Each structure stands twice: as C-alpha cells, then as structure tokens.
Amino acid sequence: MSLADRIETYREYVSEWLRGLYHGMISHPAYELIEKEAEDVEDEFMLACFPDVFGVPSPISYYTAELLPYLTDEFEAWERRMWDRESLIERKGQQYHF
C-alpha cells in the first residue's frame, strides 16, 4: 500500500467520522425536535377537528366529520396516542426536562 493510498484511506475515515459527529451532535437532535413539534401541531389540529372523541361538545363537528375519510389513518394513530396517557405525559415531560 503506497503512501497516497494510506492518506486517502485516512481522509475517508476522518470524513466519515466527522459526518457522524455532525449528525449526532447537530442534525439528529434538530430532526427529533422538528418531528416532535410537527406531531404536537398535528395533535392540536386533530383535537380541534374532533373534540367529540374525548367528550368535548363541538358545534363544528358536523362539518369536520367530512374530513374523516381523508384523515382515517392519522385519526386512528392520534386516538391511540391520546388514550395512552403514559406516553403523552412522558412526551410532554421531556419537553420541560422532567
């Protein structure tokens, strides 16, 4: 193995290591934060559209029922997530470092 090959191998190794370091320190936590924020916004939207699921009367539920065929997959996942109180409290607690 020549010196040029060893230098190139070393540069590739350092480059891969730096990409992993950048992803682990900067981009990954940002992606997690963005995903959690998007999920919170989706939860708020679904709760505004379908409050009857939790017994909160809503005068607009007749109109938002028309959205249900388009939001079926999201609705089921949202409903499961909302009824699982441990995960909801745990997620909200993480935001405030409890």
PDB file of N, CA and C in Angstrom:
ATOM      1  N   MET A   1       0.852  -1.166   0.000  1.00  0.00           N
ATOM      2  CA  MET A   1       0.000   0.000   0.000  1.00  0.00           C
ATOM      3  C   MET A   1       0.898   1.229   0.000  1.00  0.00           C
ATOM      4  N   SER A   2       0.667   2.077  -0.968  1.00  0.00           N
ATOM      5  CA  SER A   2       1.508   3.258  -1.089  1.00  0.00           C
ATOM      6  C   SER A   2       1.063   4.328  -0.092  1.00  0.00           C
ATOM      7  N   LEU A   3       1.896   5.323   0.042  1.00  0.00           N
ATOM      8  CA  LEU A   3       1.605   6.421   0.961  1.00  0.00           C
ATOM      9  C   LEU A   3       0.349   7.178   0.536  1.00  0.00           C
ATOM     10  N   ALA A   4       0.164   7.369  -0.772  1.00  0.00           N
ATOM     11  CA  ALA A   4      -1.019   8.084  -1.273  1.00  0.00           C
ATOM     12  C   ALA A   4      -2.299   7.306  -0.948  1.00  0.00           C
ATOM     13  N   ASP A   5      -2.236   5.977  -1.059  1.00  0.00           N
ATOM     14  CA  ASP A   5      -3.404   5.156  -0.719  1.00  0.00           C
ATOM     15  C   ASP A   5      -3.721   5.232   0.773  1.00  0.00           C
ATOM     16  N   ARG A   6      -2.693   5.201   1.593  1.00  0.00           N
ATOM     17  CA  ARG A   6      -2.907   5.284   3.040  1.00  0.00           C
ATOM     18  C   ARG A   6      -3.480   6.636   3.422  1.00  0.00           C
ATOM     19  N   ILE A   7      -2.995   7.715   2.800  1.00  0.00           N
ATOM     20  CA  ILE A   7      -3.513   9.058   3.086  1.00  0.00           C
ATOM     21  C   ILE A   7      -4.981   9.152   2.658  1.00  0.00           C
ATOM     22  N   GLU A   8      -5.295   8.608   1.491  1.00  0.00           N
ATOM     23  CA  GLU A   8      -6.678   8.634   1.001  1.00  0.00           C
ATOM     24  C   GLU A   8      -7.598   7.833   1.926  1.00  0.00           C
ATOM     25  N   THR A   9      -7.147   6.683   2.387  1.00  0.00           N
ATOM     26  CA  THR A   9      -7.928   5.873   3.326  1.00  0.00           C
ATOM     27  C   THR A   9      -8.159   6.634   4.625  1.00  0.00           C
ATOM     28  N   TYR A  10      -7.114   7.274   5.108  1.00  0.00           N
ATOM     29  CA  TYR A  10      -7.221   8.059   6.342  1.00  0.00           C
ATOM     30  C   TYR A  10      -8.189   9.232   6.165  1.00  0.00           C
ATOM     31  N   ARG A  11      -8.124   9.921   5.023  1.00  0.00           N
ATOM     32  CA  ARG A  11      -9.029  11.050   4.754  1.00  0.00           C
ATOM     33  C   ARG A  11     -10.483  10.571   4.702  1.00  0.00           C
ATOM     34  N   GLU A  12     -10.727   9.420   4.064  1.00  0.00           N
ATOM     35  CA  GLU A  12     -12.087   8.875   4.010  1.00  0.00           C
ATOM     36  C   GLU A  12     -12.592   8.527   5.408  1.00  0.00           C
ATOM     37  N   TYR A  13     -11.719   7.930   6.217  1.00  0.00           N
ATOM     38  CA  TYR A  13     -12.090   7.567   7.580  1.00  0.00           C
ATOM     39  C   TYR A  13     -12.426   8.818   8.401  1.00  0.00           C
ATOM     40  N   VAL A  14     -11.594   9.849   8.308  1.00  0.00           N
ATOM     41  CA  VAL A  14     -11.826  11.089   9.062  1.00  0.00           C
ATOM     42  C   VAL A  14     -13.098  11.782   8.562  1.00  0.00           C
ATOM     43  N   SER A  15     -13.302  11.770   7.248  1.00  0.00           N
ATOM     44  CA  SER A  15     -14.503  12.391   6.683  1.00  0.00           C
ATOM     45  C   SER A  15     -15.766  11.685   7.181  1.00  0.00           C
ATOM     46  N   GLU A  16     -15.760  10.363   7.184  1.00  0.00           N
ATOM     47  CA  GLU A  16     -16.913   9.606   7.684  1.00  0.00           C
ATOM     48  C   GLU A  16     -17.126   9.874   9.170  1.00  0.00           C
ATOM     49  N   TRP A  17     -16.062   9.930   9.926  1.00  0.00           N
ATOM     50  CA  TRP A  17     -16.162  10.195  11.359  1.00  0.00           C
ATOM     51  C   TRP A  17     -16.745  11.583  11.614  1.00  0.00           C
ATOM     52  N   LEU A  18     -16.297  12.585  10.863  1.00  0.00           N
ATOM     53  CA  LEU A  18     -16.810  13.944  11.028  1.00  0.00           C
ATOM     54  C   LEU A  18     -18.284  14.049  10.634  1.00  0.00           C
ATOM     55  N   ARG A  19     -18.681  13.331   9.558  1.00  0.00           N
ATOM     56  CA  ARG A  19     -20.100  13.318   9.188  1.00  0.00           C
ATOM     57  C   ARG A  19     -20.936  12.720  10.304  1.00  0.00           C
ATOM     58  N   GLY A  20     -20.477  11.640  10.907  1.00  0.00           N
ATOM     59  CA  GLY A  20     -21.189  11.025  12.025  1.00  0.00           C
ATOM     60  C   GLY A  20     -21.251  11.944  13.230  1.00  0.00           C
ATOM     61  N   LEU A  21     -20.167  12.634  13.507  1.00  0.00           N
ATOM     62  CA  LEU A  21     -20.137  13.574  14.626  1.00  0.00           C
ATOM     63  C   LEU A  21     -21.123  14.716  14.396  1.00  0.00           C
ATOM     64  N   TYR A  22     -21.147  15.259  13.177  1.00  0.00           N
ATOM     65  CA  TYR A  22     -22.072  16.350  12.851  1.00  0.00           C
ATOM     66  C   TYR A  22     -23.515  15.871  12.979  1.00  0.00           C
ATOM     67  N   HIS A  23     -23.789  14.686  12.449  1.00  0.00           N
ATOM     68  CA  HIS A  23     -25.151  14.159  12.528  1.00  0.00           C
ATOM     69  C   HIS A  23     -25.564  13.916  13.976  1.00  0.00           C
ATOM     70  N   GLY A  24     -24.677  13.361  14.765  1.00  0.00           N
ATOM     71  CA  GLY A  24     -25.004  13.048  16.153  1.00  0.00           C
ATOM     72  C   GLY A  24     -25.135  14.261  17.046  1.00  0.00           C
ATOM     73  N   MET A  25     -24.369  15.302  16.773  1.00  0.00           N
ATOM     74  CA  MET A  25     -24.394  16.475  17.649  1.00  0.00           C
ATOM     75  C   MET A  25     -25.348  17.562  17.182  1.00  0.00           C
ATOM     76  N   ILE A  26     -25.540  17.695  15.894  1.00  0.00           N
ATOM     77  CA  ILE A  26     -26.293  18.848  15.393  1.00  0.00           C
ATOM     78  C   ILE A  26     -27.572  18.437  14.677  1.00  0.00           C
ATOM     79  N   SER A  27     -27.465  17.640  13.641  1.00  0.00           N
ATOM     80  CA  SER A  27     -28.649  17.416  12.812  1.00  0.00           C
ATOM     81  C   SER A  27     -29.647  16.457  13.448  1.00  0.00           C
ATOM     82  N   HIS A  28     -29.223  15.392  14.104  1.00  0.00           N
ATOM     83  CA  HIS A  28     -30.164  14.424  14.677  1.00  0.00           C
ATOM     84  C   HIS A  28     -31.048  15.033  15.758  1.00  0.00           C
ATOM     85  N   PRO A  29     -30.501  15.758  16.733  1.00  0.00           N
ATOM     86  CA  PRO A  29     -31.385  16.391  17.718  1.00  0.00           C
ATOM     87  C   PRO A  29     -32.347  17.388  17.082  1.00  0.00           C
ATOM     88  N   ALA A  30     -31.901  18.068  16.034  1.00  0.00           N
ATOM     89  CA  ALA A  30     -32.788  19.016  15.361  1.00  0.00           C
ATOM     90  C   ALA A  30     -33.925  18.276  14.672  1.00  0.00           C
ATOM     91  N   TYR A  31     -33.636  17.144  14.028  1.00  0.00           N
ATOM     92  CA  TYR A  31     -34.687  16.363  13.385  1.00  0.00           C
ATOM     93  C   TYR A  31     -35.690  15.863  14.414  1.00  0.00           C
ATOM     94  N   GLU A  32     -35.196  15.382  15.552  1.00  0.00           N
ATOM     95  CA  GLU A  32     -36.102  14.911  16.605  1.00  0.00           C
ATOM     96  C   GLU A  32     -37.006  16.034  17.088  1.00  0.00           C
ATOM     97  N   LEU A  33     -36.439  17.202  17.280  1.00  0.00           N
ATOM     98  CA  LEU A  33     -37.214  18.340  17.757  1.00  0.00           C
ATOM     99  C   LEU A  33     -38.266  18.756  16.729  1.00  0.00           C
ATOM    100  N   ILE A  34     -37.899  18.771  15.472  1.00  0.00           N
ATOM    101  CA  ILE A  34     -38.841  19.127  14.413  1.00  0.00           C
ATOM    102  C   ILE A  34     -39.959  18.093  14.322  1.00  0.00           C
ATOM    103  N   GLU A  35     -39.627  16.806  14.431  1.00  0.00           N
ATOM    104  CA  GLU A  35     -40.644  15.763  14.369  1.00  0.00           C
ATOM    105  C   GLU A  35     -41.608  15.862  15.549  1.00  0.00           C
ATOM    106  N   LYS A  36     -41.093  16.127  16.741  1.00  0.00           N
ATOM    107  CA  LYS A  36     -41.969  16.266  17.906  1.00  0.00           C
ATOM    108  C   LYS A  36     -42.877  17.478  17.772  1.00  0.00           C
ATOM    109  N   GLU A  37     -42.335  18.566  17.274  1.00  0.00           N
ATOM    110  CA  GLU A  37     -43.143  19.770  17.094  1.00  0.00           C
ATOM    111  C   GLU A  37     -44.233  19.541  16.052  1.00  0.00           C
ATOM    112  N   ALA A  38     -43.895  18.858  14.962  1.00  0.00           N
ATOM    113  CA  ALA A  38     -44.889  18.556  13.933  1.00  0.00           C
ATOM    114  C   ALA A  38     -45.981  17.647  14.479  1.00  0.00           C
ATOM    115  N   GLU A  39     -45.596  16.688  15.314  1.00  0.00           N
ATOM    116  CA  GLU A  39     -46.590  15.799  15.926  1.00  0.00           C
ATOM    117  C   GLU A  39     -47.494  16.571  16.883  1.00  0.00           C
ATOM    118  N   ASP A  40     -46.937  17.517  17.627  1.00  0.00           N
ATOM    119  CA  ASP A  40     -47.749  18.338  18.525  1.00  0.00           C
ATOM    120  C   ASP A  40     -48.748  19.188  17.747  1.00  0.00           C
ATOM    121  N   VAL A  41     -48.314  19.755  16.624  1.00  0.00           N
ATOM    122  CA  VAL A  41     -49.219  20.563  15.802  1.00  0.00           C
ATOM    123  C   VAL A  41     -50.321  19.685  15.218  1.00  0.00           C
ATOM    124  N   GLU A  42     -49.952  18.484  14.792  1.00  0.00           N
ATOM    125  CA  GLU A  42     -50.954  17.561  14.271  1.00  0.00           C
ATOM    126  C   GLU A  42     -51.955  17.173  15.362  1.00  0.00           C
ATOM    127  N   ASP A  43     -51.469  16.947  16.582  1.00  0.00           N
ATOM    128  CA  ASP A  43     -52.362  16.626  17.698  1.00  0.00           C
ATOM    129  C   ASP A  43     -53.339  17.763  17.966  1.00  0.00           C
ATOM    130  N   GLU A  44     -52.845  18.979  17.921  1.00  0.00           N
ATOM    131  CA  GLU A  44     -53.713  20.133  18.160  1.00  0.00           C
ATOM    132  C   GLU A  44     -54.758  20.277  17.054  1.00  0.00           C
ATOM    133  N   PHE A  45     -54.362  20.052  15.821  1.00  0.00           N
ATOM    134  CA  PHE A  45     -55.303  20.124  14.709  1.00  0.00           C
ATOM    135  C   PHE A  45     -56.389  19.063  14.840  1.00  0.00           C
ATOM    136  N   MET A  46     -55.970  17.838  15.149  1.00  0.00           N
ATOM    137  CA  MET A  46     -56.942  16.751  15.270  1.00  0.00           C
ATOM    138  C   MET A  46     -57.880  16.995  16.447  1.00  0.00           C
ATOM    139  N   LEU A  47     -57.367  17.516  17.548  1.00  0.00           N
ATOM    140  CA  LEU A  47     -58.218  17.811  18.697  1.00  0.00           C
ATOM    141  C   LEU A  47     -59.199  18.933  18.378  1.00  0.00           C
ATOM    142  N   ALA A  48     -58.775  19.914  17.591  1.00  0.00           N
ATOM    143  CA  ALA A  48     -59.680  20.987  17.191  1.00  0.00           C
ATOM    144  C   ALA A  48     -60.765  20.474  16.247  1.00  0.00           C
ATOM    145  N   CYS A  49     -60.420  19.498  15.417  1.00  0.00           N
ATOM    146  CA  CYS A  49     -61.398  18.964  14.461  1.00  0.00           C
ATOM    147  C   CYS A  49     -62.331  17.927  15.087  1.00  0.00           C
ATOM    148  N   PHE A  50     -61.822  17.116  16.002  1.00  0.00           N
ATOM    149  CA  PHE A  50     -62.598  16.007  16.548  1.00  0.00           C
ATOM    150  C   PHE A  50     -62.599  15.996  18.079  1.00  0.00           C
ATOM    151  N   PRO A  51     -63.100  17.045  18.728  1.00  0.00           N
ATOM    152  CA  PRO A  51     -63.117  17.038  20.188  1.00  0.00           C
ATOM    153  C   PRO A  51     -64.164  16.088  20.763  1.00  0.00           C
ATOM    154  N   ASP A  52     -65.142  15.672  19.952  1.00  0.00           N
ATOM    155  CA  ASP A  52     -66.188  14.758  20.427  1.00  0.00           C
ATOM    156  C   ASP A  52     -65.627  13.414  20.863  1.00  0.00           C
ATOM    157  N   VAL A  53     -64.466  13.052  20.349  1.00  0.00           N
ATOM    158  CA  VAL A  53     -63.841  11.782  20.717  1.00  0.00           C
ATOM    159  C   VAL A  53     -63.580  11.733  22.219  1.00  0.00           C
ATOM    160  N   PHE A  54     -63.291  12.880  22.817  1.00  0.00           N
ATOM    161  CA  PHE A  54     -62.979  12.932  24.244  1.00  0.00           C
ATOM    162  C   PHE A  54     -64.113  13.529  25.064  1.00  0.00           C
ATOM    163  N   GLY A  55     -65.301  13.660  24.452  1.00  0.00           N
ATOM    164  CA  GLY A  55     -66.459  14.126  25.186  1.00  0.00           C
ATOM    165  C   GLY A  55     -66.603  15.625  25.272  1.00  0.00           C
ATOM    166  N   VAL A  56     -65.858  16.349  24.487  1.00  0.00           N
ATOM    167  CA  VAL A  56     -65.970  17.802  24.473  1.00  0.00           C
ATOM    168  C   VAL A  56     -66.942  18.172  23.347  1.00  0.00           C
ATOM    169  N   PRO A  57     -68.080  18.781  23.670  1.00  0.00           N
ATOM    170  CA  PRO A  57     -69.029  19.112  22.612  1.00  0.00           C
ATOM    171  C   PRO A  57     -68.477  20.184  21.677  1.00  0.00           C
ATOM    172  N   SER A  58     -68.772  20.028  20.401  1.00  0.00           N
ATOM    173  CA  SER A  58     -68.274  20.968  19.407  1.00  0.00           C
ATOM    174  C   SER A  58     -69.370  21.280  18.397  1.00  0.00           C
ATOM    175  N   PRO A  59     -69.635  22.545  18.176  1.00  0.00           N
ATOM    176  CA  PRO A  59     -70.665  22.889  17.201  1.00  0.00           C
ATOM    177  C   PRO A  59     -70.237  22.647  15.752  1.00  0.00           C
ATOM    178  N   ILE A  60     -68.945  22.482  15.506  1.00  0.00           N
ATOM    179  CA  ILE A  60     -68.484  22.289  14.134  1.00  0.00           C
ATOM    180  C   ILE A  60     -68.227  20.826  13.801  1.00  0.00           C
ATOM    181  N   SER A  61     -68.569  19.918  14.682  1.00  0.00           N
ATOM    182  CA  SER A  61     -68.265  18.503  14.429  1.00  0.00           C
ATOM    183  C   SER A  61     -68.999  17.966  13.206  1.00  0.00           C
ATOM    184  N   TYR A  62     -70.157  18.533  12.893  1.00  0.00           N
ATOM    185  CA  TYR A  62     -70.881  18.110  11.693  1.00  0.00           C
ATOM    186  C   TYR A  62     -70.041  18.380  10.447  1.00  0.00           C
ATOM    187  N   TYR A  63     -69.358  19.491  10.413  1.00  0.00           N
ATOM    188  CA  TYR A  63     -68.558  19.859   9.242  1.00  0.00           C
ATOM    189  C   TYR A  63     -67.210  19.149   9.222  1.00  0.00           C
ATOM    190  N   THR A  64     -66.617  18.970  10.384  1.00  0.00           N
ATOM    191  CA  THR A  64     -65.310  18.303  10.412  1.00  0.00           C
ATOM    192  C   THR A  64     -65.444  16.803  10.179  1.00  0.00           C
ATOM    193  N   ALA A  65     -66.640  16.248  10.328  1.00  0.00           N
ATOM    194  CA  ALA A  65     -66.840  14.829  10.035  1.00  0.00           C
ATOM    195  C   ALA A  65     -66.572  14.535   8.566  1.00  0.00           C
ATOM    196  N   GLU A  66     -66.704  15.543   7.711  1.00  0.00           N
ATOM    197  CA  GLU A  66     -66.416  15.357   6.299  1.00  0.00           C
ATOM    198  C   GLU A  66     -64.925  15.122   6.041  1.00  0.00           C
ATOM    199  N   LEU A  67     -64.081  15.518   6.981  1.00  0.00           N
ATOM    200  CA  LEU A  67     -62.634  15.303   6.837  1.00  0.00           C
ATOM    201  C   LEU A  67     -62.215  13.883   7.204  1.00  0.00           C
ATOM    202  N   LEU A  68     -63.061  13.187   7.918  1.00  0.00           N
ATOM    203  CA  LEU A  68     -62.693  11.875   8.447  1.00  0.00           C
ATOM    204  C   LEU A  68     -62.224  10.883   7.377  1.00  0.00           C
ATOM    205  N   PRO A  69     -62.856  10.782   6.214  1.00  0.00           N
ATOM    206  CA  PRO A  69     -62.334   9.831   5.213  1.00  0.00           C
ATOM    207  C   PRO A  69     -60.906  10.144   4.774  1.00  0.00           C
ATOM    208  N   TYR A  70     -60.528  11.406   4.813  1.00  0.00           N
ATOM    209  CA  TYR A  70     -59.183  11.789   4.382  1.00  0.00           C
ATOM    210  C   TYR A  70     -58.149  11.626   5.493  1.00  0.00           C
ATOM    211  N   LEU A  71     -58.613  11.588   6.722  1.00  0.00           N
ATOM    212  CA  LEU A  71     -57.698  11.529   7.874  1.00  0.00           C
ATOM    213  C   LEU A  71     -57.815  10.220   8.648  1.00  0.00           C
ATOM    214  N   THR A  72     -58.326   9.179   8.029  1.00  0.00           N
ATOM    215  CA  THR A  72     -58.585   7.920   8.748  1.00  0.00           C
ATOM    216  C   THR A  72     -57.322   7.349   9.378  1.00  0.00           C
ATOM    217  N   ASP A  73     -56.246   7.233   8.614  1.00  0.00           N
ATOM    218  CA  ASP A  73     -55.010   6.644   9.159  1.00  0.00           C
ATOM    219  C   ASP A  73     -54.442   7.500  10.281  1.00  0.00           C
ATOM    220  N   GLU A  74     -54.398   8.806  10.064  1.00  0.00           N
ATOM    221  CA  GLU A  74     -53.877   9.700  11.092  1.00  0.00           C
ATOM    222  C   GLU A  74     -54.779   9.715  12.324  1.00  0.00           C
ATOM    223  N   PHE A  75     -56.090   9.605  12.097  1.00  0.00           N
ATOM    224  CA  PHE A  75     -57.041   9.643  13.204  1.00  0.00           C
ATOM    225  C   PHE A  75     -56.853   8.468  14.140  1.00  0.00           C
ATOM    226  N   GLU A  76     -56.695   7.280  13.582  1.00  0.00           N
ATOM    227  CA  GLU A  76     -56.513   6.095  14.425  1.00  0.00           C
ATOM    228  C   GLU A  76     -55.232   6.184  15.244  1.00  0.00           C
ATOM    229  N   ALA A  77     -54.156   6.594  14.614  1.00  0.00           N
ATOM    230  CA  ALA A  77     -52.882   6.728  15.333  1.00  0.00           C
ATOM    231  C   ALA A  77     -52.974   7.810  16.394  1.00  0.00           C
ATOM    232  N   TRP A  78     -53.625   8.928  16.063  1.00  0.00           N
ATOM    233  CA  TRP A  78     -53.789  10.025  17.018  1.00  0.00           C
ATOM    234  C   TRP A  78     -54.623   9.582  18.211  1.00  0.00           C
ATOM    235  N   GLU A  79     -55.718   8.885  17.947  1.00  0.00           N
ATOM    236  CA  GLU A  79     -56.591   8.441  19.030  1.00  0.00           C
ATOM    237  C   GLU A  79     -55.857   7.480  19.965  1.00  0.00           C
ATOM    238  N   ARG A  80     -55.103   6.543  19.397  1.00  0.00           N
ATOM    239  CA  ARG A  80     -54.320   5.626  20.237  1.00  0.00           C
ATOM    240  C   ARG A  80     -53.296   6.377  21.069  1.00  0.00           C
ATOM    241  N   ARG A  81     -52.639   7.341  20.457  1.00  0.00           N
ATOM    242  CA  ARG A  81     -51.615   8.110  21.160  1.00  0.00           C
ATOM    243  C   ARG A  81     -52.228   8.945  22.283  1.00  0.00           C
ATOM    244  N   MET A  82     -53.385   9.513  22.060  1.00  0.00           N
ATOM    245  CA  MET A  82     -54.030  10.344  23.074  1.00  0.00           C
ATOM    246  C   MET A  82     -54.569   9.519  24.240  1.00  0.00           C
ATOM    247  N   TRP A  83     -55.052   8.308  23.952  1.00  0.00           N
ATOM    248  CA  TRP A  83     -55.593   7.483  25.030  1.00  0.00           C
ATOM    249  C   TRP A  83     -54.488   6.817  25.840  1.00  0.00           C
ATOM    250  N   ASP A  84     -53.287   6.731  25.290  1.00  0.00           N
ATOM    251  CA  ASP A  84     -52.158   6.171  26.041  1.00  0.00           C
ATOM    252  C   ASP A  84     -51.556   7.290  26.884  1.00  0.00           C
ATOM    253  N   ARG A  85     -52.102   7.476  28.058  1.00  0.00           N
ATOM    254  CA  ARG A  85     -51.738   8.623  28.890  1.00  0.00           C
ATOM    255  C   ARG A  85     -50.271   8.602  29.319  1.00  0.00           C
ATOM    256  N   GLU A  86     -49.723   7.416  29.536  1.00  0.00           N
ATOM    257  CA  GLU A  86     -48.325   7.354  29.969  1.00  0.00           C
ATOM    258  C   GLU A  86     -47.400   7.950  28.914  1.00  0.00           C
ATOM    259  N   SER A  87     -47.620   7.605  27.666  1.00  0.00           N
ATOM    260  CA  SER A  87     -46.729   8.123  26.631  1.00  0.00           C
ATOM    261  C   SER A  87     -46.943   9.624  26.442  1.00  0.00           C
ATOM    262  N   LEU A  88     -48.202  10.097  26.587  1.00  0.00           N
ATOM    263  CA  LEU A  88     -48.478  11.518  26.427  1.00  0.00           C
ATOM    264  C   LEU A  88     -47.804  12.327  27.532  1.00  0.00           C
ATOM    265  N   ILE A  89     -47.956  11.887  28.763  1.00  0.00           N
ATOM    266  CA  ILE A  89     -47.329  12.595  29.888  1.00  0.00           C
ATOM    267  C   ILE A  89     -45.805  12.522  29.785  1.00  0.00           C
ATOM    268  N   GLU A  90     -45.314  11.384  29.373  1.00  0.00           N
ATOM    269  CA  GLU A  90     -43.864  11.217  29.215  1.00  0.00           C
ATOM    270  C   GLU A  90     -43.321  12.157  28.140  1.00  0.00           C
ATOM    271  N   ARG A  91     -44.022  12.257  27.003  1.00  0.00           N
ATOM    272  CA  ARG A  91     -43.579  13.142  25.919  1.00  0.00           C
ATOM    273  C   ARG A  91     -43.596  14.600  26.337  1.00  0.00           C
ATOM    274  N   LYS A  92     -44.667  15.013  26.995  1.00  0.00           N
ATOM    275  CA  LYS A  92     -44.770  16.401  27.416  1.00  0.00           C
ATOM    276  C   LYS A  92     -43.742  16.702  28.502  1.00  0.00           C
ATOM    277  N   GLY A  93     -43.464  15.742  29.360  1.00  0.00           N
ATOM    278  CA  GLY A  93     -42.464  15.932  30.392  1.00  0.00           C
ATOM    279  C   GLY A  93     -41.066  16.108  29.830  1.00  0.00           C
ATOM    280  N   GLN A  94     -40.776  15.436  28.723  1.00  0.00           N
ATOM    281  CA  GLN A  94     -39.473  15.568  28.083  1.00  0.00           C
ATOM    282  C   GLN A  94     -39.252  16.976  27.566  1.00  0.00           C
ATOM    283  N   GLN A  95     -40.311  17.621  27.119  1.00  0.00           N
ATOM    284  CA  GLN A  95     -40.178  18.976  26.605  1.00  0.00           C
ATOM    285  C   GLN A  95     -39.742  19.955  27.686  1.00  0.00           C
ATOM    286  N   TYR A  96     -40.175  19.681  28.923  1.00  0.00           N
ATOM    287  CA  TYR A  96     -39.854  20.584  30.024  1.00  0.00           C
ATOM    288  C   TYR A  96     -38.795  20.018  30.956  1.00  0.00           C
ATOM    289  N   HIS A  97     -38.122  18.945  30.502  1.00  0.00           N
ATOM    290  CA  HIS A  97     -36.972  18.334  31.203  1.00  0.00           C
ATOM    291  C   HIS A  97     -37.368  17.814  32.589  1.00  0.00           C
ATOM    292  N   PHE A  98     -38.519  17.151  32.682  1.00  0.00           N
ATOM    293  CA  PHE A  98     -38.910  16.495  33.945  1.00  0.00           C
ATOM    294  C   PHE A  98     -38.367  15.110  33.982  1.00  0.00           C
TER     295      PHE A  98
END
